[in-house]
Amino acid sequence: MGITADDEFRRLYADNFIAILNYARRRVRQSDDAPDLVAETFLVAWRRRSEVPPGDHGRLWLYGVARLVLANHARGEQRRRRLGQRLRLEHREYPVTVDAGNVDVRDALARLAPNDREVLELTVWEQLTPTEIAVALGLSPEVVRTRLRRARTRLRSQLECHAPGPAGQELAVRAESELKGGKP
């Protein structure tokens, strides 16, 4: 039985993984990016395994592929940096106001589980309906309505626990009103 293209690829991978990983590590700003770049390099090699030259030329071919993968990565980083700079400038020009109504409400939101906080924030800050939230989160509207009802209850409980007495009850009523879209 002869050596298959898959066998050749396995050998190419085993013989060159460390060399390509070190190549990538020496060339990226963040060493955590190197394994992803190596994976992408070998993905290209897998897809084009019929084009990989035999023997030591295969290793050299991999260096060429890795170089192109790194160049794409560098261009992507540069695009992300430029986009970040542009967004920072726009943010200064058009500041986003986040008004959760009250510091106590914000603190109570921060104490909620991420899923509870998310449905409340999408409802209040983004002014999405449960049906729209369902689409955004990949859930059914019924599940979103249930989560929203439970999240409101948990928020009310948080507010009452951390500001007991009349002040806590007033905050809970105010938060409930704000979360339902009304004014306190």
N, C-alpha and C. Protein backbone atom coordinates (compact mmCIF):
# COMPACT_ATOMS: atom_id res chain seq x y z
N MET A 1 0.84 -1.17 0.00
CA MET A 1 0.00 0.00 0.00
C MET A 1 0.89 1.24 0.00
N GLY A 2 0.62 2.20 -0.89
CA GLY A 2 1.45 3.38 -1.04
C GLY A 2 1.12 4.47 -0.05
N ILE A 3 1.94 5.48 -0.08
CA ILE A 3 1.74 6.64 0.80
C ILE A 3 0.71 7.56 0.16
N THR A 4 -0.32 7.91 0.91
CA THR A 4 -1.39 8.77 0.39
C THR A 4 -1.05 10.24 0.62
N ALA A 5 -1.84 11.11 -0.02
CA ALA A 5 -1.66 12.56 0.18
C ALA A 5 -1.90 12.93 1.64
N ASP A 6 -2.83 12.23 2.28
CA ASP A 6 -3.10 12.48 3.70
C ASP A 6 -1.88 12.12 4.55
N ASP A 7 -1.24 11.00 4.22
CA ASP A 7 -0.03 10.59 4.94
C ASP A 7 1.08 11.63 4.75
N GLU A 8 1.21 12.10 3.52
CA GLU A 8 2.22 13.14 3.23
C GLU A 8 1.95 14.39 4.05
N PHE A 9 0.68 14.76 4.14
CA PHE A 9 0.34 15.95 4.92
C PHE A 9 0.67 15.75 6.39
N ARG A 10 0.32 14.59 6.94
CA ARG A 10 0.63 14.31 8.34
C ARG A 10 2.13 14.43 8.60
N ARG A 11 2.91 13.93 7.68
CA ARG A 11 4.37 14.01 7.83
C ARG A 11 4.83 15.47 7.72
N LEU A 12 4.27 16.19 6.76
CA LEU A 12 4.61 17.61 6.60
C LEU A 12 4.31 18.37 7.90
N TYR A 13 3.16 18.11 8.47
CA TYR A 13 2.74 18.75 9.71
C TYR A 13 3.69 18.38 10.85
N ALA A 14 3.92 17.10 11.04
CA ALA A 14 4.76 16.63 12.16
C ALA A 14 6.18 17.16 12.04
N ASP A 15 6.70 17.18 10.82
CA ASP A 15 8.09 17.61 10.62
C ASP A 15 8.28 19.12 10.73
N ASN A 16 7.21 19.90 10.53
CA ASN A 16 7.39 21.34 10.40
C ASN A 16 6.60 22.20 11.37
N PHE A 17 5.75 21.59 12.17
CA PHE A 17 4.90 22.37 13.08
C PHE A 17 5.73 23.31 13.95
N ILE A 18 6.73 22.79 14.64
CA ILE A 18 7.53 23.61 15.57
C ILE A 18 8.25 24.72 14.82
N ALA A 19 8.81 24.41 13.67
CA ALA A 19 9.53 25.43 12.90
C ALA A 19 8.59 26.56 12.47
N ILE A 20 7.39 26.23 12.02
CA ILE A 20 6.44 27.25 11.58
C ILE A 20 5.90 28.02 12.79
N LEU A 21 5.69 27.34 13.91
CA LEU A 21 5.25 28.02 15.13
C LEU A 21 6.30 29.04 15.58
N ASN A 22 7.55 28.64 15.60
CA ASN A 22 8.62 29.57 16.00
C ASN A 22 8.72 30.73 15.01
N TYR A 23 8.57 30.43 13.74
CA TYR A 23 8.58 31.48 12.70
C TYR A 23 7.49 32.51 13.01
N ALA A 24 6.29 32.03 13.31
CA ALA A 24 5.18 32.94 13.60
C ALA A 24 5.40 33.69 14.90
N ARG A 25 5.87 33.01 15.94
CA ARG A 25 6.09 33.66 17.24
C ARG A 25 7.07 34.83 17.14
N ARG A 26 8.08 34.67 16.32
CA ARG A 26 9.09 35.73 16.20
C ARG A 26 8.57 36.93 15.41
N ARG A 27 7.44 36.79 14.76
CA ARG A 27 6.98 37.84 13.85
C ARG A 27 5.68 38.52 14.27
N VAL A 28 5.04 38.05 15.31
CA VAL A 28 3.78 38.68 15.73
C VAL A 28 4.02 39.53 16.98
N ARG A 29 3.17 40.52 17.13
CA ARG A 29 3.27 41.40 18.31
C ARG A 29 2.83 40.67 19.57
N GLN A 30 1.76 39.89 19.44
CA GLN A 30 1.24 39.15 20.59
C GLN A 30 1.45 37.66 20.35
N SER A 31 2.21 37.03 21.22
CA SER A 31 2.55 35.63 21.00
C SER A 31 1.33 34.72 20.97
N ASP A 32 0.22 35.16 21.58
CA ASP A 32 -1.01 34.36 21.56
C ASP A 32 -1.58 34.22 20.14
N ASP A 33 -1.20 35.11 19.23
CA ASP A 33 -1.67 35.03 17.85
C ASP A 33 -0.96 33.94 17.06
N ALA A 34 0.23 33.56 17.48
CA ALA A 34 1.05 32.62 16.70
C ALA A 34 0.35 31.28 16.44
N PRO A 35 -0.24 30.62 17.44
CA PRO A 35 -0.90 29.34 17.15
C PRO A 35 -2.01 29.45 16.11
N ASP A 36 -2.78 30.54 16.16
CA ASP A 36 -3.84 30.73 15.16
C ASP A 36 -3.25 30.88 13.76
N LEU A 37 -2.15 31.59 13.66
CA LEU A 37 -1.51 31.78 12.36
C LEU A 37 -0.93 30.47 11.83
N VAL A 38 -0.39 29.66 12.72
CA VAL A 38 0.13 28.35 12.32
C VAL A 38 -1.02 27.46 11.85
N ALA A 39 -2.13 27.50 12.59
CA ALA A 39 -3.30 26.71 12.19
C ALA A 39 -3.77 27.14 10.80
N GLU A 40 -3.81 28.42 10.56
CA GLU A 40 -4.23 28.92 9.25
C GLU A 40 -3.25 28.50 8.16
N THR A 41 -1.96 28.52 8.48
CA THR A 41 -0.94 28.09 7.52
C THR A 41 -1.15 26.63 7.14
N PHE A 42 -1.37 25.78 8.13
CA PHE A 42 -1.56 24.37 7.83
C PHE A 42 -2.94 24.09 7.20
N LEU A 43 -3.90 24.95 7.45
CA LEU A 43 -5.18 24.82 6.77
C LEU A 43 -5.00 25.05 5.27
N VAL A 44 -4.24 26.09 4.94
CA VAL A 44 -3.92 26.34 3.52
C VAL A 44 -3.19 25.14 2.94
N ALA A 45 -2.23 24.62 3.69
CA ALA A 45 -1.46 23.46 3.21
C ALA A 45 -2.38 22.26 3.01
N TRP A 46 -3.33 22.06 3.90
CA TRP A 46 -4.26 20.94 3.76
C TRP A 46 -5.11 21.11 2.49
N ARG A 47 -5.63 22.31 2.33
CA ARG A 47 -6.48 22.55 1.16
C ARG A 47 -5.71 22.43 -0.15
N ARG A 48 -4.44 22.76 -0.10
CA ARG A 48 -3.62 22.73 -1.32
C ARG A 48 -2.58 21.61 -1.27
N ARG A 49 -2.89 20.56 -0.51
CA ARG A 49 -1.90 19.50 -0.30
C ARG A 49 -1.42 18.86 -1.59
N SER A 50 -2.22 18.90 -2.63
CA SER A 50 -1.76 18.34 -3.90
C SER A 50 -0.69 19.21 -4.55
N GLU A 51 -0.57 20.47 -4.09
CA GLU A 51 0.41 21.40 -4.66
C GLU A 51 1.70 21.48 -3.84
N VAL A 52 1.71 20.86 -2.66
CA VAL A 52 2.88 20.95 -1.78
C VAL A 52 4.04 20.18 -2.42
N PRO A 53 5.18 20.86 -2.59
CA PRO A 53 6.33 20.16 -3.18
C PRO A 53 6.84 19.07 -2.24
N PRO A 54 7.45 18.06 -2.78
CA PRO A 54 7.94 16.96 -1.94
C PRO A 54 9.22 17.34 -1.21
N GLY A 55 9.49 16.58 -0.15
CA GLY A 55 10.75 16.71 0.58
C GLY A 55 10.91 18.05 1.27
N ASP A 56 12.18 18.51 1.30
CA ASP A 56 12.52 19.75 2.00
C ASP A 56 11.87 20.98 1.36
N HIS A 57 11.51 20.87 0.09
CA HIS A 57 10.85 22.00 -0.57
C HIS A 57 9.46 22.26 0.03
N GLY A 58 8.87 21.22 0.61
CA GLY A 58 7.58 21.39 1.29
C GLY A 58 7.71 22.32 2.48
N ARG A 59 8.79 22.20 3.22
CA ARG A 59 9.03 23.08 4.37
C ARG A 59 9.20 24.52 3.89
N LEU A 60 9.94 24.71 2.82
CA LEU A 60 10.14 26.05 2.27
C LEU A 60 8.83 26.63 1.75
N TRP A 61 8.03 25.77 1.15
CA TRP A 61 6.71 26.19 0.67
C TRP A 61 5.86 26.66 1.86
N LEU A 62 5.92 25.92 2.98
CA LEU A 62 5.18 26.32 4.19
C LEU A 62 5.62 27.69 4.70
N TYR A 63 6.92 27.95 4.66
CA TYR A 63 7.39 29.28 5.06
C TYR A 63 6.77 30.36 4.18
N GLY A 64 6.66 30.09 2.91
CA GLY A 64 6.02 31.05 2.01
C GLY A 64 4.56 31.27 2.35
N VAL A 65 3.87 30.19 2.64
CA VAL A 65 2.46 30.30 3.02
C VAL A 65 2.34 31.06 4.34
N ALA A 66 3.20 30.72 5.29
CA ALA A 66 3.17 31.40 6.60
C ALA A 66 3.44 32.88 6.44
N ARG A 67 4.34 33.22 5.54
CA ARG A 67 4.65 34.64 5.30
C ARG A 67 3.40 35.38 4.81
N LEU A 68 2.66 34.76 3.88
CA LEU A 68 1.44 35.38 3.36
C LEU A 68 0.35 35.46 4.44
N VAL A 69 0.24 34.42 5.26
CA VAL A 69 -0.73 34.43 6.36
C VAL A 69 -0.38 35.56 7.34
N LEU A 70 0.89 35.70 7.65
CA LEU A 70 1.32 36.78 8.55
C LEU A 70 1.05 38.15 7.94
N ALA A 71 1.26 38.29 6.64
CA ALA A 71 0.98 39.57 5.98
C ALA A 71 -0.50 39.90 6.07
N ASN A 72 -1.36 38.90 5.85
CA ASN A 72 -2.80 39.12 6.00
C ASN A 72 -3.15 39.51 7.43
N HIS A 73 -2.52 38.85 8.37
CA HIS A 73 -2.76 39.15 9.79
C HIS A 73 -2.34 40.60 10.10
N ALA A 74 -1.19 41.00 9.60
CA ALA A 74 -0.70 42.37 9.84
C ALA A 74 -1.65 43.39 9.22
N ARG A 75 -2.14 43.12 8.01
CA ARG A 75 -3.10 44.04 7.38
C ARG A 75 -4.38 44.12 8.21
N GLY A 76 -4.83 42.98 8.71
CA GLY A 76 -6.03 42.97 9.54
C GLY A 76 -5.83 43.77 10.82
N GLU A 77 -4.67 43.61 11.46
CA GLU A 77 -4.38 44.40 12.66
C GLU A 77 -4.36 45.89 12.34
N GLN A 78 -3.76 46.23 11.22
CA GLN A 78 -3.69 47.64 10.83
C GLN A 78 -5.10 48.19 10.58
N ARG A 79 -5.94 47.42 9.92
CA ARG A 79 -7.33 47.85 9.70
C ARG A 79 -8.05 48.04 11.04
N ARG A 80 -7.85 47.10 11.97
CA ARG A 80 -8.50 47.21 13.28
C ARG A 80 -8.01 48.45 14.03
N ARG A 81 -6.71 48.74 13.96
CA ARG A 81 -6.18 49.93 14.62
C ARG A 81 -6.78 51.20 14.02
N ARG A 82 -6.83 51.26 12.69
CA ARG A 82 -7.40 52.45 12.03
C ARG A 82 -8.87 52.60 12.38
N LEU A 83 -9.60 51.49 12.38
CA LEU A 83 -11.01 51.55 12.74
C LEU A 83 -11.16 52.01 14.19
N GLY A 84 -10.33 51.48 15.08
CA GLY A 84 -10.37 51.91 16.48
C GLY A 84 -10.10 53.39 16.63
N GLN A 85 -9.12 53.91 15.89
CA GLN A 85 -8.82 55.34 15.94
C GLN A 85 -10.01 56.15 15.43
N ARG A 86 -10.59 55.69 14.32
CA ARG A 86 -11.73 56.41 13.76
C ARG A 86 -12.91 56.39 14.73
N LEU A 87 -13.15 55.25 15.36
CA LEU A 87 -14.25 55.17 16.31
C LEU A 87 -14.01 56.04 17.53
N ARG A 88 -12.74 56.10 17.99
CA ARG A 88 -12.43 56.98 19.12
C ARG A 88 -12.69 58.44 18.77
N LEU A 89 -12.32 58.84 17.56
CA LEU A 89 -12.58 60.22 17.11
C LEU A 89 -14.08 60.49 17.02
N GLU A 90 -14.82 59.55 16.45
CA GLU A 90 -16.27 59.71 16.36
C GLU A 90 -16.91 59.74 17.74
N HIS A 91 -16.37 58.94 18.64
CA HIS A 91 -16.91 58.91 20.01
C HIS A 91 -16.76 60.28 20.66
N ARG A 92 -15.62 60.92 20.42
CA ARG A 92 -15.42 62.26 20.99
C ARG A 92 -16.37 63.26 20.35
N GLU A 93 -16.60 63.11 19.04
CA GLU A 93 -17.46 64.04 18.33
C GLU A 93 -18.93 63.83 18.67
N TYR A 94 -19.32 62.56 18.82
CA TYR A 94 -20.70 62.21 19.13
C TYR A 94 -20.71 61.33 20.37
N PRO A 95 -20.54 61.92 21.53
CA PRO A 95 -20.47 61.09 22.74
C PRO A 95 -21.76 60.30 22.96
N VAL A 96 -21.59 59.08 23.38
CA VAL A 96 -22.71 58.23 23.68
C VAL A 96 -23.07 58.43 25.14
N THR A 97 -24.31 58.70 25.39
CA THR A 97 -24.73 58.86 26.78
C THR A 97 -25.41 57.58 27.22
N VAL A 98 -24.97 57.10 28.34
CA VAL A 98 -25.56 55.91 28.93
C VAL A 98 -26.17 56.35 30.24
N ASP A 99 -27.47 56.35 30.29
CA ASP A 99 -28.16 56.79 31.49
C ASP A 99 -29.01 55.65 32.01
N ALA A 100 -28.52 55.02 33.04
CA ALA A 100 -29.31 53.95 33.66
C ALA A 100 -30.20 54.53 34.74
N GLY A 101 -30.30 55.84 34.77
CA GLY A 101 -31.22 56.49 35.69
C GLY A 101 -30.63 56.83 37.03
N ASN A 102 -29.78 55.99 37.56
CA ASN A 102 -29.32 56.17 38.92
C ASN A 102 -28.13 55.26 39.16
N VAL A 103 -27.20 55.74 39.98
CA VAL A 103 -26.01 54.95 40.30
C VAL A 103 -26.41 53.64 40.96
N ASP A 104 -27.43 53.67 41.82
CA ASP A 104 -27.88 52.45 42.48
C ASP A 104 -28.43 51.44 41.48
N VAL A 105 -29.13 51.92 40.47
CA VAL A 105 -29.66 51.04 39.43
C VAL A 105 -28.50 50.42 38.66
N ARG A 106 -27.50 51.23 38.34
CA ARG A 106 -26.32 50.71 37.61
C ARG A 106 -25.61 49.65 38.44
N ASP A 107 -25.45 49.91 39.73
CA ASP A 107 -24.80 48.92 40.60
C ASP A 107 -25.61 47.63 40.68
N ALA A 108 -26.92 47.77 40.76
CA ALA A 108 -27.78 46.58 40.81
C ALA A 108 -27.68 45.80 39.50
N LEU A 109 -27.66 46.50 38.39
CA LEU A 109 -27.48 45.83 37.09
C LEU A 109 -26.17 45.07 37.05
N ALA A 110 -25.12 45.67 37.57
CA ALA A 110 -23.80 45.04 37.56
C ALA A 110 -23.78 43.76 38.39
N ARG A 111 -24.64 43.67 39.38
CA ARG A 111 -24.68 42.48 40.24
C ARG A 111 -25.50 41.34 39.62
N LEU A 112 -26.24 41.62 38.57
CA LEU A 112 -27.05 40.59 37.93
C LEU A 112 -26.19 39.65 37.09
N ALA A 113 -26.72 38.49 36.82
CA ALA A 113 -26.06 37.55 35.91
C ALA A 113 -26.00 38.16 34.51
N PRO A 114 -25.00 37.81 33.73
CA PRO A 114 -24.85 38.40 32.38
C PRO A 114 -26.11 38.27 31.51
N ASN A 115 -26.78 37.11 31.55
CA ASN A 115 -27.99 36.96 30.73
C ASN A 115 -29.10 37.90 31.15
N ASP A 116 -29.26 38.09 32.47
CA ASP A 116 -30.28 39.01 32.96
C ASP A 116 -29.94 40.44 32.55
N ARG A 117 -28.70 40.81 32.77
CA ARG A 117 -28.25 42.16 32.43
C ARG A 117 -28.44 42.42 30.94
N GLU A 118 -28.11 41.42 30.12
CA GLU A 118 -28.18 41.61 28.67
C GLU A 118 -29.60 41.90 28.20
N VAL A 119 -30.59 41.11 28.67
CA VAL A 119 -31.96 41.35 28.20
C VAL A 119 -32.49 42.70 28.71
N LEU A 120 -32.10 43.07 29.92
CA LEU A 120 -32.53 44.37 30.43
C LEU A 120 -31.90 45.52 29.65
N GLU A 121 -30.60 45.41 29.39
CA GLU A 121 -29.91 46.47 28.65
C GLU A 121 -30.42 46.58 27.21
N LEU A 122 -30.67 45.45 26.58
CA LEU A 122 -31.21 45.49 25.22
C LEU A 122 -32.60 46.12 25.20
N THR A 123 -33.36 45.86 26.26
CA THR A 123 -34.71 46.43 26.35
C THR A 123 -34.66 47.94 26.61
N VAL A 124 -33.86 48.34 27.60
CA VAL A 124 -33.86 49.73 28.03
C VAL A 124 -32.94 50.59 27.17
N TRP A 125 -31.69 50.21 27.05
CA TRP A 125 -30.72 51.08 26.36
C TRP A 125 -30.88 51.03 24.85
N GLU A 126 -31.12 49.84 24.31
CA GLU A 126 -31.22 49.72 22.85
C GLU A 126 -32.65 49.83 22.37
N GLN A 127 -33.59 49.81 23.33
CA GLN A 127 -35.02 49.94 23.06
C GLN A 127 -35.51 48.89 22.06
N LEU A 128 -35.05 47.65 22.26
CA LEU A 128 -35.49 46.55 21.41
C LEU A 128 -36.70 45.87 22.05
N THR A 129 -37.56 45.36 21.21
CA THR A 129 -38.71 44.59 21.69
C THR A 129 -38.25 43.17 21.99
N PRO A 130 -39.04 42.43 22.76
CA PRO A 130 -38.67 41.03 23.00
C PRO A 130 -38.48 40.23 21.71
N THR A 131 -39.29 40.51 20.70
CA THR A 131 -39.15 39.81 19.42
C THR A 131 -37.81 40.16 18.77
N GLU A 132 -37.41 41.42 18.83
CA GLU A 132 -36.13 41.84 18.25
C GLU A 132 -34.96 41.25 19.05
N ILE A 133 -35.10 41.23 20.36
CA ILE A 133 -34.07 40.63 21.21
C ILE A 133 -33.94 39.14 20.89
N ALA A 134 -35.06 38.49 20.67
CA ALA A 134 -35.04 37.07 20.34
C ALA A 134 -34.22 36.82 19.08
N VAL A 135 -34.38 37.66 18.09
CA VAL A 135 -33.61 37.51 16.85
C VAL A 135 -32.13 37.74 17.14
N ALA A 136 -31.82 38.80 17.89
CA ALA A 136 -30.42 39.13 18.17
C ALA A 136 -29.72 38.04 18.96
N LEU A 137 -30.44 37.39 19.88
CA LEU A 137 -29.83 36.38 20.74
C LEU A 137 -30.05 34.95 20.25
N GLY A 138 -30.82 34.80 19.18
CA GLY A 138 -31.08 33.47 18.67
C GLY A 138 -31.98 32.65 19.58
N LEU A 139 -32.95 33.31 20.20
CA LEU A 139 -33.88 32.65 21.10
C LEU A 139 -35.30 32.86 20.60
N SER A 140 -36.23 32.19 21.23
CA SER A 140 -37.63 32.43 20.89
C SER A 140 -38.11 33.65 21.67
N PRO A 141 -39.11 34.36 21.14
CA PRO A 141 -39.64 35.52 21.89
C PRO A 141 -40.18 35.13 23.26
N GLU A 142 -40.74 33.92 23.37
CA GLU A 142 -41.27 33.47 24.67
C GLU A 142 -40.15 33.34 25.70
N VAL A 143 -39.01 32.80 25.28
CA VAL A 143 -37.87 32.66 26.19
C VAL A 143 -37.39 34.05 26.60
N VAL A 144 -37.34 34.98 25.66
CA VAL A 144 -36.89 36.34 25.99
C VAL A 144 -37.86 36.99 26.98
N ARG A 145 -39.15 36.85 26.75
CA ARG A 145 -40.13 37.44 27.68
C ARG A 145 -39.98 36.85 29.08
N THR A 146 -39.75 35.56 29.15
CA THR A 146 -39.54 34.91 30.45
C THR A 146 -38.28 35.43 31.12
N ARG A 147 -37.19 35.49 30.36
CA ARG A 147 -35.93 36.01 30.91
C ARG A 147 -36.09 37.46 31.36
N LEU A 148 -36.79 38.24 30.56
CA LEU A 148 -36.99 39.65 30.90
C LEU A 148 -37.81 39.80 32.18
N ARG A 149 -38.86 39.02 32.31
CA ARG A 149 -39.69 39.07 33.53
C ARG A 149 -38.85 38.68 34.75
N ARG A 150 -38.08 37.60 34.62
CA ARG A 150 -37.24 37.16 35.74
C ARG A 150 -36.14 38.17 36.04
N ALA A 151 -35.57 38.75 35.01
CA ALA A 151 -34.50 39.74 35.21
C ALA A 151 -35.04 40.97 35.92
N ARG A 152 -36.24 41.40 35.56
CA ARG A 152 -36.85 42.55 36.25
C ARG A 152 -37.07 42.24 37.73
N THR A 153 -37.53 41.03 38.00
CA THR A 153 -37.75 40.61 39.39
C THR A 153 -36.43 40.60 40.16
N ARG A 154 -35.40 40.05 39.54
CA ARG A 154 -34.09 40.01 40.20
C ARG A 154 -33.53 41.41 40.41
N LEU A 155 -33.72 42.29 39.44
CA LEU A 155 -33.24 43.67 39.59
C LEU A 155 -33.98 44.36 40.74
N ARG A 156 -35.28 44.18 40.78
CA ARG A 156 -36.07 44.76 41.86
C ARG A 156 -35.57 44.25 43.21
N SER A 157 -35.30 42.97 43.29
CA SER A 157 -34.80 42.36 44.53
C SER A 157 -33.44 42.94 44.90
N GLN A 158 -32.57 43.10 43.92
CA GLN A 158 -31.25 43.70 44.17
C GLN A 158 -31.40 45.11 44.72
N LEU A 159 -32.27 45.86 44.14
CA LEU A 159 -32.46 47.25 44.58
C LEU A 159 -33.02 47.30 45.99
N GLU A 160 -33.97 46.43 46.29
CA GLU A 160 -34.56 46.42 47.62
C GLU A 160 -33.58 45.94 48.68
N CYS A 161 -32.73 44.98 48.33
CA CYS A 161 -31.75 44.44 49.28
C CYS A 161 -30.66 45.45 49.62
N HIS A 162 -30.24 46.22 48.65
CA HIS A 162 -29.10 47.10 48.85
C HIS A 162 -29.50 48.52 49.24
N ALA A 163 -30.78 48.80 49.22
CA ALA A 163 -31.26 50.08 49.72
C ALA A 163 -32.58 49.81 50.45
N PRO A 164 -32.48 49.23 51.67
CA PRO A 164 -33.69 48.81 52.38
C PRO A 164 -34.57 49.99 52.77
N GLY A 165 -35.80 49.64 53.05
CA GLY A 165 -36.75 50.64 53.53
C GLY A 165 -37.37 51.41 52.38
N PRO A 166 -37.94 52.58 52.70
CA PRO A 166 -38.65 53.37 51.70
C PRO A 166 -37.76 53.75 50.51
N ALA A 167 -36.47 54.06 50.76
CA ALA A 167 -35.59 54.45 49.66
C ALA A 167 -35.40 53.29 48.69
N GLY A 168 -35.24 52.09 49.22
CA GLY A 168 -35.07 50.91 48.37
C GLY A 168 -36.32 50.60 47.58
N GLN A 169 -37.48 50.74 48.22
CA GLN A 169 -38.73 50.49 47.52
C GLN A 169 -38.94 51.52 46.42
N GLU A 170 -38.59 52.78 46.73
CA GLU A 170 -38.72 53.84 45.72
C GLU A 170 -37.81 53.55 44.52
N LEU A 171 -36.57 53.13 44.79
CA LEU A 171 -35.65 52.79 43.70
C LEU A 171 -36.18 51.62 42.88
N ALA A 172 -36.74 50.63 43.54
CA ALA A 172 -37.26 49.47 42.82
C ALA A 172 -38.42 49.88 41.91
N VAL A 173 -39.31 50.71 42.42
CA VAL A 173 -40.44 51.18 41.62
C VAL A 173 -39.93 52.01 40.44
N ARG A 174 -38.96 52.88 40.72
CA ARG A 174 -38.39 53.72 39.66
C ARG A 174 -37.70 52.88 38.60
N ALA A 175 -36.91 51.90 39.03
CA ALA A 175 -36.22 51.02 38.08
C ALA A 175 -37.23 50.23 37.26
N GLU A 176 -38.26 49.73 37.91
CA GLU A 176 -39.30 48.98 37.22
C GLU A 176 -39.95 49.85 36.14
N SER A 177 -40.25 51.09 36.50
CA SER A 177 -40.86 52.01 35.56
C SER A 177 -39.91 52.28 34.39
N GLU A 178 -38.65 52.53 34.70
CA GLU A 178 -37.66 52.80 33.63
C GLU A 178 -37.49 51.59 32.74
N LEU A 179 -37.47 50.40 33.33
CA LEU A 179 -37.26 49.19 32.54
C LEU A 179 -38.48 48.85 31.69
N LYS A 180 -39.65 49.34 32.09
CA LYS A 180 -40.84 49.10 31.26
C LYS A 180 -41.01 50.19 30.23
N GLY A 181 -40.11 51.15 30.22
CA GLY A 181 -40.17 52.20 29.20
C GLY A 181 -40.87 53.45 29.66
N GLY A 182 -41.35 53.48 30.88
CA GLY A 182 -42.02 54.68 31.38
C GLY A 182 -41.06 55.60 32.07
N LYS A 183 -41.58 56.69 32.54
CA LYS A 183 -40.79 57.63 33.32
C LYS A 183 -41.10 57.42 34.78
N PRO A 184 -40.10 57.62 35.66
CA PRO A 184 -40.35 57.41 37.09
C PRO A 184 -41.35 58.40 37.65
